[in-house]
Amino acid sequence: MTGMEIPLMIAGAGISFIGSMRQASAMTSIGQQEAQAERAAAERNAQVAERNAKIVRNNSNVNAARVERETRIRQGAARAAGGGNGLELMGSALDIMEDNFMEGELDRLTILHEGELEAQSFMEQADFYRFGGENRAQAAAFQGNAAASSTRAGAVGSLLGSAGKIAGAGFGGGGSYGPGSSPGSVNPGRGLRDSSGFIG
C-alpha cells in the first residue's frame, strides 16, 4: 500500500460521515417543516369551522329576534282590534292571544336551540381538526427524527468500519517496510557494529 492510500481512505471516510450527518439534519428539518404544515392546515380548518359556528349563532339570534318581533306585532294588532271594537280581552279572545304568544315564543326558542346545536357541531369540527392536525404533526416529526437517527447510526457504523479497514491497512501488510519487502525479508543484523567493524 502506497503512502497516499491511507490518507485518502481517511479523507473519504470523513467526507462520507459529514455528508450523512448533514443528511440526517435535513431529515429532522423536513420532519419539523411537515409538522408545522400539518398544524397550520389544521388551524386554518379549525378557524373556518369556528367562523361558521359564529355565523350560525348570529343568524339564529337574528331569526329569533324576528320571530319575537312578529309575535309582538300580532299581539299588538289583536289588542288594537279588540279595543277598536269595544271588546274586552277575556275568555276565548284572551286564550287565542296567549296561544299566539306561546307559539311565537316556541318558534323563537326552537330557532335558538337548533342554531346552537349547529354551532356546537362546527365547534366540535374545529376541535377535531386541531386534534387530527396535532397527531399528524407529531407523526411527521417522529418519522423525520427516526429517519435521522437511522442515518446517523448508519454513518457511525460506516465510520467505524472504515476505521477498521484503515487500521488493518496501516498495521497489517508491511506498509512500513517499503515496496517489495516484508518483516521476514529484513536482515536483523544489518547495520550492527562489533569491535572489528560492521557485521553483515
C-alpha atoms as a PDB file:
ATOM      1  CA  MET A   1       0.000   0.000   0.000  1.00  0.00           C
ATOM      2  CA  THR A   2       1.395   3.366  -1.010  1.00  0.00           C
ATOM      3  CA  GLY A   3       1.816   6.256   1.379  1.00  0.00           C
ATOM      4  CA  MET A   4      -1.149   8.158  -0.122  1.00  0.00           C
ATOM      5  CA  GLU A   5      -3.796   5.451   0.138  1.00  0.00           C
ATOM      6  CA  ILE A   6      -4.334   5.660   3.890  1.00  0.00           C
ATOM      7  CA  PRO A   7      -4.797   9.481   3.947  1.00  0.00           C
ATOM      8  CA  LEU A   8      -7.215   9.145   1.045  1.00  0.00           C
ATOM      9  CA  MET A   9      -9.165   6.471   2.897  1.00  0.00           C
ATOM     10  CA  ILE A  10      -9.314   8.694   5.987  1.00  0.00           C
ATOM     11  CA  ALA A  11     -10.476  11.672   3.923  1.00  0.00           C
ATOM     12  CA  GLY A  12     -13.124   9.600   2.153  1.00  0.00           C
ATOM     13  CA  ALA A  13     -14.460   8.206   5.418  1.00  0.00           C
ATOM     14  CA  GLY A  14     -14.625  11.707   6.907  1.00  0.00           C
ATOM     15  CA  ILE A  15     -16.407  13.173   3.913  1.00  0.00           C
ATOM     16  CA  SER A  16     -18.926  10.319   3.899  1.00  0.00           C
ATOM     17  CA  PHE A  17     -19.571  10.762   7.636  1.00  0.00           C
ATOM     18  CA  ILE A  18     -20.097  14.519   7.339  1.00  0.00           C
ATOM     19  CA  GLY A  19     -22.433  14.036   4.382  1.00  0.00           C
ATOM     20  CA  SER A  20     -24.501  11.516   6.326  1.00  0.00           C
ATOM     21  CA  MET A  21     -24.719  13.839   9.315  1.00  0.00           C
ATOM     22  CA  ARG A  22     -25.939  16.651   7.095  1.00  0.00           C
ATOM     23  CA  GLN A  23     -28.494  14.339   5.528  1.00  0.00           C
ATOM     24  CA  ALA A  24     -29.717  13.362   8.997  1.00  0.00           C
ATOM     25  CA  SER A  25     -30.094  17.027   9.958  1.00  0.00           C
ATOM     26  CA  ALA A  26     -32.044  17.634   6.758  1.00  0.00           C
ATOM     27  CA  MET A  27     -34.381  14.747   7.592  1.00  0.00           C
ATOM     28  CA  THR A  28     -35.047  16.211  11.022  1.00  0.00           C
ATOM     29  CA  SER A  29     -35.693  19.626   9.487  1.00  0.00           C
ATOM     30  CA  ILE A  30     -38.067  18.163   6.896  1.00  0.00           C
ATOM     31  CA  GLY A  31     -39.992  16.370   9.624  1.00  0.00           C
ATOM     32  CA  GLN A  32     -40.336  19.597  11.591  1.00  0.00           C
ATOM     33  CA  GLN A  33     -41.463  21.502   8.497  1.00  0.00           C
ATOM     34  CA  GLU A  34     -44.084  18.871   7.723  1.00  0.00           C
ATOM     35  CA  ALA A  35     -45.256  19.010  11.330  1.00  0.00           C
ATOM     36  CA  GLN A  36     -45.619  22.792  11.139  1.00  0.00           C
ATOM     37  CA  ALA A  37     -47.507  22.488   7.857  1.00  0.00           C
ATOM     38  CA  GLU A  38     -49.924  19.964   9.378  1.00  0.00           C
ATOM     39  CA  ARG A  39     -50.569  22.200  12.374  1.00  0.00           C
ATOM     40  CA  ALA A  40     -51.070  25.257  10.159  1.00  0.00           C
ATOM     41  CA  ALA A  41     -53.525  23.453   7.877  1.00  0.00           C
ATOM     42  CA  ALA A  42     -55.454  22.102  10.850  1.00  0.00           C
ATOM     43  CA  GLU A  43     -55.605  25.548  12.443  1.00  0.00           C
ATOM     44  CA  ARG A  44     -56.954  27.095   9.231  1.00  0.00           C
ATOM     45  CA  ASN A  45     -59.697  24.470   9.027  1.00  0.00           C
ATOM     46  CA  ALA A  46     -60.493  24.920  12.712  1.00  0.00           C
ATOM     47  CA  GLN A  47     -60.794  28.678  12.312  1.00  0.00           C
ATOM     48  CA  VAL A  48     -63.157  28.221   9.363  1.00  0.00           C
ATOM     49  CA  ALA A  49     -65.322  25.924  11.480  1.00  0.00           C
ATOM     50  CA  GLU A  50     -65.318  28.440  14.337  1.00  0.00           C
ATOM     51  CA  ARG A  51     -66.336  31.228  11.963  1.00  0.00           C
ATOM     52  CA  ASN A  52     -69.173  29.052  10.701  1.00  0.00           C
ATOM     53  CA  ALA A  53     -70.295  28.476  14.281  1.00  0.00           C
ATOM     54  CA  LYS A  54     -70.297  32.217  14.891  1.00  0.00           C
ATOM     55  CA  ILE A  55     -72.289  32.831  11.703  1.00  0.00           C
ATOM     56  CA  VAL A  56     -74.852  30.216  12.684  1.00  0.00           C
ATOM     57  CA  ARG A  57     -75.291  31.736  16.133  1.00  0.00           C
ATOM     58  CA  ASN A  58     -75.671  35.220  14.697  1.00  0.00           C
ATOM     59  CA  ASN A  59     -78.220  34.048  12.143  1.00  0.00           C
ATOM     60  CA  SER A  60     -80.219  32.174  14.751  1.00  0.00           C
ATOM     61  CA  ASN A  61     -80.235  35.239  17.012  1.00  0.00           C
ATOM     62  CA  VAL A  62     -81.420  37.395  14.134  1.00  0.00           C
ATOM     63  CA  ASN A  63     -84.168  34.935  13.193  1.00  0.00           C
ATOM     64  CA  ALA A  64     -85.231  34.530  16.818  1.00  0.00           C
ATOM     65  CA  ALA A  65     -85.465  38.301  17.201  1.00  0.00           C
ATOM     66  CA  ARG A  66     -87.518  38.490  14.001  1.00  0.00           C
ATOM     67  CA  VAL A  67     -89.967  35.883  15.292  1.00  0.00           C
ATOM     68  CA  GLU A  68     -90.231  37.690  18.621  1.00  0.00           C
ATOM     69  CA  ARG A  69     -90.887  40.983  16.851  1.00  0.00           C
ATOM     70  CA  GLU A  70     -93.548  39.433  14.615  1.00  0.00           C
ATOM     71  CA  THR A  71     -95.218  37.878  17.662  1.00  0.00           C
ATOM     72  CA  ARG A  72     -95.378  41.232  19.418  1.00  0.00           C
ATOM     73  CA  ILE A  73     -96.794  42.871  16.312  1.00  0.00           C
ATOM     74  CA  ARG A  74     -99.551  40.244  16.093  1.00  0.00           C
ATOM     75  CA  GLN A  75    -100.313  40.642  19.780  1.00  0.00           C
ATOM     76  CA  GLY A  76    -100.462  44.394  19.462  1.00  0.00           C
ATOM     77  CA  ALA A  77    -102.684  44.171  16.393  1.00  0.00           C
ATOM     78  CA  ALA A  78    -105.029  41.802  18.214  1.00  0.00           C
ATOM     79  CA  ARG A  79    -105.265  44.142  21.189  1.00  0.00           C
ATOM     80  CA  ALA A  80    -105.889  47.118  18.929  1.00  0.00           C
ATOM     81  CA  ALA A  81    -108.572  45.257  17.011  1.00  0.00           C
ATOM     82  CA  GLY A  82    -110.291  44.218  20.200  1.00  0.00           C
ATOM     83  CA  GLY A  83    -110.130  47.699  21.680  1.00  0.00           C
ATOM     84  CA  GLY A  84    -111.427  49.275  18.469  1.00  0.00           C
ATOM     85  CA  ASN A  85    -114.458  47.024  18.524  1.00  0.00           C
ATOM     86  CA  GLY A  86    -115.111  47.750  22.141  1.00  0.00           C
ATOM     87  CA  LEU A  87    -114.252  44.198  23.151  1.00  0.00           C
ATOM     88  CA  GLU A  88    -112.502  43.250  26.333  1.00  0.00           C
ATOM     89  CA  LEU A  89    -109.584  40.808  26.243  1.00  0.00           C
ATOM     90  CA  MET A  90    -111.167  37.979  28.098  1.00  0.00           C
ATOM     91  CA  GLY A  91    -112.387  34.496  27.530  1.00  0.00           C
ATOM     92  CA  SER A  92    -111.597  32.899  24.173  1.00  0.00           C
ATOM     93  CA  ALA A  93    -110.066  36.084  22.774  1.00  0.00           C
ATOM     94  CA  LEU A  94    -107.515  36.141  25.589  1.00  0.00           C
ATOM     95  CA  ASP A  95    -106.856  32.442  25.138  1.00  0.00           C
ATOM     96  CA  ILE A  96    -106.155  32.969  21.444  1.00  0.00           C
ATOM     97  CA  MET A  97    -103.711  35.774  22.208  1.00  0.00           C
ATOM     98  CA  GLU A  98    -101.951  33.630  24.784  1.00  0.00           C
ATOM     99  CA  ASP A  99    -101.748  30.736  22.323  1.00  0.00           C
ATOM    100  CA  ASN A 100    -100.310  33.025  19.689  1.00  0.00           C
ATOM    101  CA  PHE A 101     -97.744  34.318  22.140  1.00  0.00           C
ATOM    102  CA  MET A 102     -96.759  30.811  23.246  1.00  0.00           C
ATOM    103  CA  GLU A 103     -96.472  29.671  19.645  1.00  0.00           C
ATOM    104  CA  GLY A 104     -94.242  32.604  18.782  1.00  0.00           C
ATOM    105  CA  GLU A 105     -92.095  32.027  21.855  1.00  0.00           C
ATOM    106  CA  LEU A 106     -91.760  28.357  20.994  1.00  0.00           C
ATOM    107  CA  ASP A 107     -90.653  29.248  17.484  1.00  0.00           C
ATOM    108  CA  ARG A 108     -88.090  31.677  18.884  1.00  0.00           C
ATOM    109  CA  LEU A 109     -86.641  29.148  21.326  1.00  0.00           C
ATOM    110  CA  THR A 110     -86.602  26.438  18.662  1.00  0.00           C
ATOM    111  CA  ILE A 111     -84.597  28.673  16.344  1.00  0.00           C
ATOM    112  CA  LEU A 112     -82.100  29.429  19.094  1.00  0.00           C
ATOM    113  CA  HIS A 113     -81.810  25.778  20.091  1.00  0.00           C
ATOM    114  CA  GLU A 114     -81.298  24.491  16.559  1.00  0.00           C
ATOM    115  CA  GLY A 115     -78.795  27.243  15.865  1.00  0.00           C
ATOM    116  CA  GLU A 116     -76.829  26.367  18.980  1.00  0.00           C
ATOM    117  CA  LEU A 117     -76.789  22.686  18.028  1.00  0.00           C
ATOM    118  CA  GLU A 118     -75.429  23.534  14.600  1.00  0.00           C
ATOM    119  CA  ALA A 119     -72.876  25.909  16.109  1.00  0.00           C
ATOM    120  CA  GLN A 120     -71.730  23.230  18.551  1.00  0.00           C
ATOM    121  CA  SER A 121     -71.289  20.848  15.623  1.00  0.00           C
ATOM    122  CA  PHE A 122     -68.941  23.339  13.975  1.00  0.00           C
ATOM    123  CA  MET A 123     -67.042  23.805  17.237  1.00  0.00           C
ATOM    124  CA  GLU A 124     -66.598  20.041  17.506  1.00  0.00           C
ATOM    125  CA  GLN A 125     -65.258  20.061  13.950  1.00  0.00           C
ATOM    126  CA  ALA A 126     -62.751  22.724  14.986  1.00  0.00           C
ATOM    127  CA  ASP A 127     -61.575  20.576  17.896  1.00  0.00           C
ATOM    128  CA  PHE A 128     -61.369  17.560  15.596  1.00  0.00           C
ATOM    129  CA  TYR A 129     -59.283  19.474  13.062  1.00  0.00           C
ATOM    130  CA  ARG A 130     -56.831  20.607  15.729  1.00  0.00           C
ATOM    131  CA  PHE A 131     -56.612  17.172  17.323  1.00  0.00           C
ATOM    132  CA  GLY A 132     -56.042  15.434  13.990  1.00  0.00           C
ATOM    133  CA  GLY A 133     -53.547  18.055  12.894  1.00  0.00           C
ATOM    134  CA  GLU A 134     -51.539  17.652  16.081  1.00  0.00           C
ATOM    135  CA  ASN A 135     -51.482  13.871  15.674  1.00  0.00           C
ATOM    136  CA  ARG A 136     -50.298  14.157  12.075  1.00  0.00           C
ATOM    137  CA  ALA A 137     -47.718  16.761  13.098  1.00  0.00           C
ATOM    138  CA  GLN A 138     -46.301  14.510  15.803  1.00  0.00           C
ATOM    139  CA  ALA A 139     -46.203  11.589  13.369  1.00  0.00           C
ATOM    140  CA  ALA A 140     -44.326  13.670  10.785  1.00  0.00           C
ATOM    141  CA  ALA A 141     -41.815  14.870  13.368  1.00  0.00           C
ATOM    142  CA  PHE A 142     -41.355  11.336  14.679  1.00  0.00           C
ATOM    143  CA  GLN A 143     -40.744   9.952  11.201  1.00  0.00           C
ATOM    144  CA  GLY A 144     -38.192  12.662  10.487  1.00  0.00           C
ATOM    145  CA  ASN A 145     -36.369  12.011  13.759  1.00  0.00           C
ATOM    146  CA  ALA A 146     -36.466   8.248  13.224  1.00  0.00           C
ATOM    147  CA  ALA A 147     -35.033   8.577   9.714  1.00  0.00           C
ATOM    148  CA  ALA A 148     -32.355  10.929  11.004  1.00  0.00           C
ATOM    149  CA  SER A 149     -31.423   8.551  13.841  1.00  0.00           C
ATOM    150  CA  SER A 150     -31.178   5.657  11.400  1.00  0.00           C
ATOM    151  CA  THR A 151     -28.967   7.707   9.096  1.00  0.00           C
ATOM    152  CA  ARG A 152     -26.701   8.765  11.984  1.00  0.00           C
ATOM    153  CA  ALA A 153     -26.393   5.183  13.190  1.00  0.00           C
ATOM    154  CA  GLY A 154     -25.506   4.059   9.697  1.00  0.00           C
ATOM    155  CA  ALA A 155     -22.921   6.831   9.402  1.00  0.00           C
ATOM    156  CA  VAL A 156     -21.291   5.873  12.704  1.00  0.00           C
ATOM    157  CA  GLY A 157     -21.224   2.216  11.691  1.00  0.00           C
ATOM    158  CA  SER A 158     -19.706   3.087   8.336  1.00  0.00           C
ATOM    159  CA  LEU A 159     -17.114   5.291  10.003  1.00  0.00           C
ATOM    160  CA  LEU A 160     -16.142   2.538  12.429  1.00  0.00           C
ATOM    161  CA  GLY A 161     -15.913   0.087   9.561  1.00  0.00           C
ATOM    162  CA  SER A 162     -13.668   2.457   7.627  1.00  0.00           C
ATOM    163  CA  ALA A 163     -11.530   2.967  10.704  1.00  0.00           C
ATOM    164  CA  GLY A 164     -11.058  -0.803  10.984  1.00  0.00           C
ATOM    165  CA  LYS A 165     -10.039  -1.059   7.347  1.00  0.00           C
ATOM    166  CA  ILE A 166      -7.621   1.834   7.713  1.00  0.00           C
ATOM    167  CA  ALA A 167      -6.096   0.286  10.835  1.00  0.00           C
ATOM    168  CA  GLY A 168      -5.755  -3.043   9.073  1.00  0.00           C
ATOM    169  CA  ALA A 169      -4.126  -1.400   6.084  1.00  0.00           C
ATOM    170  CA  GLY A 170      -1.682   0.539   8.227  1.00  0.00           C
ATOM    171  CA  PHE A 171      -0.573  -2.251  10.527  1.00  0.00           C
ATOM    172  CA  GLY A 172      -1.150  -5.435   8.600  1.00  0.00           C
ATOM    173  CA  GLY A 173       0.732  -5.767   5.354  1.00  0.00           C
ATOM    174  CA  GLY A 174       4.162  -4.292   5.850  1.00  0.00           C
ATOM    175  CA  GLY A 175       3.477  -0.777   4.780  1.00  0.00           C
ATOM    176  CA  SER A 176       6.433   0.448   6.825  1.00  0.00           C
ATOM    177  CA  TYR A 177       8.999  -1.832   5.206  1.00  0.00           C
ATOM    178  CA  GLY A 178       8.950  -0.380   1.743  1.00  0.00           C
ATOM    179  CA  PRO A 179       7.805  -1.783  -1.606  1.00  0.00           C
ATOM    180  CA  GLY A 180       8.514  -5.454  -2.150  1.00  0.00           C
ATOM    181  CA  SER A 181       9.693  -6.089   1.388  1.00  0.00           C
ATOM    182  CA  SER A 182       8.197  -7.767   4.420  1.00  0.00           C
ATOM    183  CA  PRO A 183       9.160  -8.223   8.029  1.00  0.00           C
ATOM    184  CA  GLY A 184      10.685 -11.634   7.254  1.00  0.00           C
ATOM    185  CA  SER A 185      12.939 -10.303   4.473  1.00  0.00           C
ATOM    186  CA  VAL A 186      14.804  -7.808   6.628  1.00  0.00           C
ATOM    187  CA  ASN A 187      18.291  -8.822   7.801  1.00  0.00           C
ATOM    188  CA  PRO A 188      18.122  -8.398  11.568  1.00  0.00           C
ATOM    189  CA  GLY A 189      21.896  -7.985  11.809  1.00  0.00           C
ATOM    190  CA  ARG A 190      22.336  -5.402   9.094  1.00  0.00           C
ATOM    191  CA  GLY A 191      23.814  -2.140  10.332  1.00  0.00           C
ATOM    192  CA  LEU A 192      25.154  -3.530  13.639  1.00  0.00           C
ATOM    193  CA  ARG A 193      28.737  -2.986  14.755  1.00  0.00           C
ATOM    194  CA  ASP A 194      31.168  -5.007  16.759  1.00  0.00           C
ATOM    195  CA  SER A 195      34.722  -4.270  17.827  1.00  0.00           C
ATOM    196  CA  SER A 196      36.064  -5.050  14.361  1.00  0.00           C
ATOM    197  CA  GLY A 197      33.562  -3.068  12.331  1.00  0.00           C
ATOM    198  CA  PHE A 198      30.218  -3.628  10.640  1.00  0.00           C
ATOM    199  CA  ILE A 199      28.616  -7.040  10.706  1.00  0.00           C
ATOM    200  CA  GLY A 200      26.530  -8.172   7.761  1.00  0.00           C
END
